[in-house]
Structures are given as C-alpha cells and as structure tokens.
C-alpha cells in the first residue's frame, strides 16, 4: 500500500473486541482493514453533515436576504389555519 502512515490507537475493550471479532469472523483480513473502513464511513458521514450544514446556512442567508416583510406569529398561524381548513374540505381518495 502506497503513502501509508503507521498510527498507534487506543480503543476501549469492547471496541477492540469488535474489531478482532470482525477479523476472526472472516469479514476482514486485518485489524487495520476494519479501522480503515470505519474511518472511510466517518469521512462520508462527516462530509454529509458538513454539506447539510452548508445547505442550512445558505437557506438562512436566503431567508435573511428576502426583501418581503417579516410575518408575525399571528400571520403564520392564520396562514396554516387556512391551509388546514382548505385541506379538510378537499375530498379524500
């Protein structure tokens, strides 16, 4: 394997047993393989969280930049009450 760096890690006993069990069960060739997969999954999860946060930041920025006037709580309540009333009047399948 090219461009590798050796790391020494410390795991709680239950995690170490899980890693060893995955190897002894035949699912992985080595402890390192288990850890590499765990780090890859963490990277994917972390990247997805960062993307969700960026999407939320963009939505907040767009809302802040919206030139329309702010709605009061009463305006919002009235809006959704009207939607609910309209939906309850529509025939259901």
N, C-alpha and C. Protein backbone atom coordinates (compact mmCIF):
# COMPACT_ATOMS: atom_id res chain seq x y z
N UNK A 1 0.85 -1.16 0.00
CA UNK A 1 0.00 0.00 0.00
C UNK A 1 0.90 1.24 0.00
N UNK A 2 0.66 2.14 -0.92
CA UNK A 2 1.49 3.34 -1.04
C UNK A 2 0.98 4.44 -0.11
N UNK A 3 1.87 5.35 0.21
CA UNK A 3 1.52 6.52 1.01
C UNK A 3 0.76 6.16 2.28
N UNK A 4 1.31 5.27 3.05
CA UNK A 4 0.68 4.89 4.31
C UNK A 4 1.49 5.44 5.47
N UNK A 5 0.81 5.64 6.56
CA UNK A 5 1.47 6.08 7.79
C UNK A 5 0.98 5.19 8.91
N UNK A 6 1.89 4.74 9.69
CA UNK A 6 1.54 3.86 10.80
C UNK A 6 1.09 4.71 11.97
N UNK A 7 -0.06 4.35 12.52
CA UNK A 7 -0.60 5.01 13.70
C UNK A 7 -0.81 3.98 14.79
N UNK A 8 -0.66 4.42 15.99
CA UNK A 8 -0.98 3.57 17.12
C UNK A 8 -2.22 4.17 17.76
N UNK A 9 -3.27 3.35 17.92
CA UNK A 9 -4.50 3.85 18.51
C UNK A 9 -4.84 3.06 19.77
N UNK A 10 -5.61 3.69 20.61
CA UNK A 10 -6.08 3.03 21.82
C UNK A 10 -7.60 3.00 21.76
N UNK A 11 -8.16 1.81 21.94
CA UNK A 11 -9.61 1.64 21.90
C UNK A 11 -10.10 1.07 23.23
N UNK A 12 -11.33 1.39 23.59
CA UNK A 12 -11.92 0.70 24.74
C UNK A 12 -12.00 -0.80 24.43
N UNK A 13 -12.02 -1.61 25.48
CA UNK A 13 -12.00 -3.06 25.30
C UNK A 13 -13.12 -3.56 24.39
N UNK A 14 -14.32 -3.03 24.56
CA UNK A 14 -15.43 -3.52 23.74
C UNK A 14 -15.21 -3.21 22.26
N UNK A 15 -14.65 -2.05 21.95
CA UNK A 15 -14.37 -1.72 20.55
C UNK A 15 -13.26 -2.61 20.00
N UNK A 16 -12.22 -2.83 20.80
CA UNK A 16 -11.12 -3.70 20.37
C UNK A 16 -11.65 -5.11 20.10
N UNK A 17 -12.53 -5.59 20.97
CA UNK A 17 -13.11 -6.93 20.77
C UNK A 17 -13.96 -6.96 19.50
N UNK A 18 -14.67 -5.87 19.22
CA UNK A 18 -15.47 -5.81 18.00
C UNK A 18 -14.57 -5.88 16.77
N UNK A 19 -13.46 -5.14 16.80
CA UNK A 19 -12.52 -5.17 15.67
C UNK A 19 -11.95 -6.57 15.50
N UNK A 20 -11.48 -7.16 16.58
CA UNK A 20 -10.91 -8.52 16.50
C UNK A 20 -11.97 -9.53 16.04
N UNK A 21 -13.20 -9.37 16.50
CA UNK A 21 -14.27 -10.27 16.10
C UNK A 21 -14.57 -10.17 14.61
N UNK A 22 -14.49 -8.97 14.07
CA UNK A 22 -14.73 -8.79 12.63
C UNK A 22 -13.65 -9.49 11.82
N UNK A 23 -12.43 -9.47 12.33
CA UNK A 23 -11.32 -10.14 11.64
C UNK A 23 -11.44 -11.65 11.81
N UNK A 24 -11.65 -12.11 13.04
CA UNK A 24 -11.72 -13.56 13.27
C UNK A 24 -12.95 -14.17 12.60
N UNK A 25 -13.98 -13.38 12.40
CA UNK A 25 -15.18 -13.87 11.72
C UNK A 25 -14.99 -13.97 10.21
N UNK A 26 -13.87 -13.49 9.72
CA UNK A 26 -13.57 -13.63 8.29
C UNK A 26 -14.05 -12.46 7.44
N UNK A 27 -14.64 -11.47 8.05
CA UNK A 27 -15.13 -10.33 7.27
C UNK A 27 -14.03 -9.39 6.82
N UNK A 28 -12.92 -9.44 7.53
CA UNK A 28 -11.80 -8.54 7.22
C UNK A 28 -10.50 -9.32 7.34
N UNK A 29 -9.49 -8.87 6.61
CA UNK A 29 -8.20 -9.55 6.63
C UNK A 29 -7.33 -9.11 7.81
N UNK A 30 -7.58 -7.90 8.33
CA UNK A 30 -6.73 -7.40 9.42
C UNK A 30 -7.48 -6.35 10.23
N UNK A 31 -6.93 -6.09 11.43
CA UNK A 31 -7.49 -5.01 12.25
C UNK A 31 -7.43 -3.69 11.49
N UNK A 32 -6.34 -3.45 10.78
CA UNK A 32 -6.19 -2.21 10.03
C UNK A 32 -7.28 -2.04 8.99
N UNK A 33 -7.67 -3.12 8.36
CA UNK A 33 -8.72 -3.06 7.35
C UNK A 33 -10.05 -2.61 7.98
N UNK A 34 -10.34 -3.10 9.17
CA UNK A 34 -11.55 -2.71 9.89
C UNK A 34 -11.50 -1.21 10.20
N UNK A 35 -10.37 -0.76 10.71
CA UNK A 35 -10.23 0.64 11.09
C UNK A 35 -10.30 1.54 9.85
N UNK A 36 -9.67 1.13 8.75
CA UNK A 36 -9.74 1.92 7.52
C UNK A 36 -11.18 2.08 7.05
N UNK A 37 -11.96 0.99 7.10
CA UNK A 37 -13.36 1.09 6.70
C UNK A 37 -14.13 2.02 7.64
N UNK A 38 -13.86 1.93 8.93
CA UNK A 38 -14.53 2.79 9.90
C UNK A 38 -14.21 4.26 9.62
N UNK A 39 -12.96 4.55 9.30
CA UNK A 39 -12.57 5.93 9.02
C UNK A 39 -13.22 6.40 7.72
N UNK A 40 -13.27 5.55 6.71
CA UNK A 40 -13.94 5.92 5.45
C UNK A 40 -15.41 6.26 5.70
N UNK A 41 -16.09 5.44 6.49
CA UNK A 41 -17.50 5.70 6.81
C UNK A 41 -17.65 7.00 7.58
N UNK A 42 -16.73 7.26 8.51
CA UNK A 42 -16.76 8.51 9.26
C UNK A 42 -16.56 9.70 8.31
N UNK A 43 -15.62 9.56 7.36
CA UNK A 43 -15.39 10.64 6.40
C UNK A 43 -16.66 10.95 5.60
N UNK A 44 -17.35 9.90 5.15
CA UNK A 44 -18.58 10.10 4.38
C UNK A 44 -19.65 10.78 5.23
N UNK A 45 -19.81 10.31 6.46
CA UNK A 45 -20.80 10.89 7.37
C UNK A 45 -20.46 12.34 7.68
N UNK A 46 -19.20 12.59 7.94
CA UNK A 46 -18.75 13.95 8.26
C UNK A 46 -18.98 14.87 7.07
N UNK A 47 -18.64 14.42 5.88
CA UNK A 47 -18.85 15.24 4.67
C UNK A 47 -20.34 15.52 4.47
N UNK A 48 -21.19 14.53 4.71
CA UNK A 48 -22.63 14.73 4.57
C UNK A 48 -23.14 15.75 5.58
N UNK A 49 -22.64 15.69 6.81
CA UNK A 49 -23.04 16.66 7.84
C UNK A 49 -22.61 18.07 7.44
N UNK A 50 -21.38 18.19 6.94
CA UNK A 50 -20.90 19.50 6.50
C UNK A 50 -21.76 20.04 5.37
N UNK A 51 -22.15 19.17 4.44
CA UNK A 51 -22.99 19.59 3.32
C UNK A 51 -24.36 20.04 3.81
N UNK A 52 -24.95 19.29 4.75
CA UNK A 52 -26.25 19.68 5.32
C UNK A 52 -26.15 21.02 6.03
N UNK A 53 -25.07 21.22 6.77
CA UNK A 53 -24.87 22.50 7.47
C UNK A 53 -24.74 23.63 6.47
N UNK A 54 -24.01 23.41 5.39
CA UNK A 54 -23.84 24.44 4.37
C UNK A 54 -25.18 24.75 3.69
N UNK A 55 -25.98 23.72 3.44
CA UNK A 55 -27.29 23.92 2.85
C UNK A 55 -28.18 24.75 3.79
N UNK A 56 -28.12 24.44 5.08
CA UNK A 56 -28.90 25.21 6.06
C UNK A 56 -28.41 26.66 6.14
N UNK A 57 -27.08 26.84 6.12
CA UNK A 57 -26.55 28.21 6.15
C UNK A 57 -27.03 29.00 4.93
N UNK A 58 -27.03 28.36 3.77
CA UNK A 58 -27.48 29.03 2.55
C UNK A 58 -28.97 29.37 2.64
N UNK A 59 -29.77 28.46 3.21
CA UNK A 59 -31.20 28.73 3.35
C UNK A 59 -31.44 29.88 4.32
N UNK A 60 -30.68 29.93 5.41
CA UNK A 60 -30.82 31.02 6.37
C UNK A 60 -30.40 32.34 5.72
N UNK A 61 -29.30 32.31 4.99
CA UNK A 61 -28.84 33.53 4.30
C UNK A 61 -29.88 34.01 3.30
N UNK A 62 -30.48 33.07 2.57
CA UNK A 62 -31.52 33.45 1.59
C UNK A 62 -32.73 34.04 2.31
N UNK A 63 -33.10 33.45 3.44
CA UNK A 63 -34.24 33.98 4.20
C UNK A 63 -33.91 35.37 4.74
N UNK A 64 -32.69 35.55 5.24
CA UNK A 64 -32.29 36.86 5.74
C UNK A 64 -32.29 37.92 4.65
N UNK A 65 -31.95 37.51 3.43
CA UNK A 65 -31.89 38.45 2.31
C UNK A 65 -33.24 38.67 1.63
N UNK A 66 -34.24 37.93 2.03
CA UNK A 66 -35.57 38.04 1.42
C UNK A 66 -36.15 39.42 1.71
N UNK A 67 -36.50 40.16 0.67
CA UNK A 67 -36.98 41.53 0.88
C UNK A 67 -38.43 41.61 1.38
N UNK A 68 -39.13 40.50 1.35
CA UNK A 68 -40.51 40.54 1.82
C UNK A 68 -40.55 40.84 3.31
N UNK A 69 -41.60 41.47 3.78
CA UNK A 69 -41.67 41.80 5.21
C UNK A 69 -41.78 40.54 6.06
N UNK A 70 -41.29 40.65 7.29
CA UNK A 70 -41.40 39.54 8.23
C UNK A 70 -42.86 39.32 8.59
N UNK A 71 -43.19 38.08 8.87
CA UNK A 71 -44.55 37.75 9.29
C UNK A 71 -44.60 37.64 10.81
N UNK A 72 -45.71 38.05 11.36
CA UNK A 72 -45.89 37.89 12.79
C UNK A 72 -46.30 36.44 13.07
N UNK A 73 -46.25 36.06 14.33
CA UNK A 73 -46.70 34.72 14.72
C UNK A 73 -48.17 34.53 14.35
N UNK A 74 -48.96 35.58 14.54
CA UNK A 74 -50.39 35.51 14.21
C UNK A 74 -50.58 35.31 12.70
N UNK A 75 -49.75 35.99 11.89
CA UNK A 75 -49.84 35.81 10.43
C UNK A 75 -49.55 34.37 10.04
N UNK A 76 -48.52 33.80 10.64
CA UNK A 76 -48.15 32.41 10.33
C UNK A 76 -49.27 31.47 10.78
N UNK A 77 -49.78 31.67 11.98
CA UNK A 77 -50.87 30.83 12.48
C UNK A 77 -52.08 30.90 11.55
N UNK A 78 -52.42 32.10 11.12
CA UNK A 78 -53.57 32.28 10.23
C UNK A 78 -53.33 31.59 8.88
N UNK A 79 -52.13 31.69 8.38
CA UNK A 79 -51.78 31.05 7.10
C UNK A 79 -51.99 29.54 7.18
N UNK A 80 -51.44 28.94 8.23
CA UNK A 80 -51.54 27.48 8.33
C UNK A 80 -52.94 27.03 8.74
N UNK A 81 -53.65 27.83 9.48
CA UNK A 81 -55.05 27.51 9.80
C UNK A 81 -55.88 27.49 8.52
N UNK A 82 -55.64 28.45 7.64
CA UNK A 82 -56.37 28.50 6.36
C UNK A 82 -56.02 27.28 5.51
N UNK A 83 -54.74 26.91 5.46
CA UNK A 83 -54.33 25.72 4.70
C UNK A 83 -54.99 24.46 5.25
N UNK A 84 -55.01 24.35 6.57
CA UNK A 84 -55.63 23.18 7.20
C UNK A 84 -57.12 23.13 6.91
N UNK A 85 -57.78 24.28 6.99
CA UNK A 85 -59.22 24.32 6.70
C UNK A 85 -59.48 23.92 5.26
N UNK A 86 -58.66 24.42 4.34
CA UNK A 86 -58.83 24.09 2.92
C UNK A 86 -58.60 22.59 2.70
N UNK A 87 -57.56 22.04 3.32
CA UNK A 87 -57.25 20.62 3.15
C UNK A 87 -58.36 19.75 3.73
N UNK A 88 -58.98 20.18 4.82
CA UNK A 88 -60.03 19.36 5.42
C UNK A 88 -61.30 19.39 4.60
N UNK A 89 -61.45 20.35 3.71
CA UNK A 89 -62.63 20.47 2.84
C UNK A 89 -62.49 19.64 1.56
N UNK A 90 -61.22 19.32 1.20
CA UNK A 90 -60.99 18.58 -0.05
C UNK A 90 -61.38 17.13 0.12
N UNK A 91 -61.96 16.55 -0.94
CA UNK A 91 -62.35 15.12 -0.86
C UNK A 91 -61.10 14.24 -0.80
N UNK A 92 -61.24 13.15 -0.08
CA UNK A 92 -60.12 12.20 0.05
C UNK A 92 -60.40 11.00 -0.85
N UNK A 93 -59.33 10.38 -1.30
CA UNK A 93 -59.46 9.19 -2.16
C UNK A 93 -59.80 7.97 -1.38
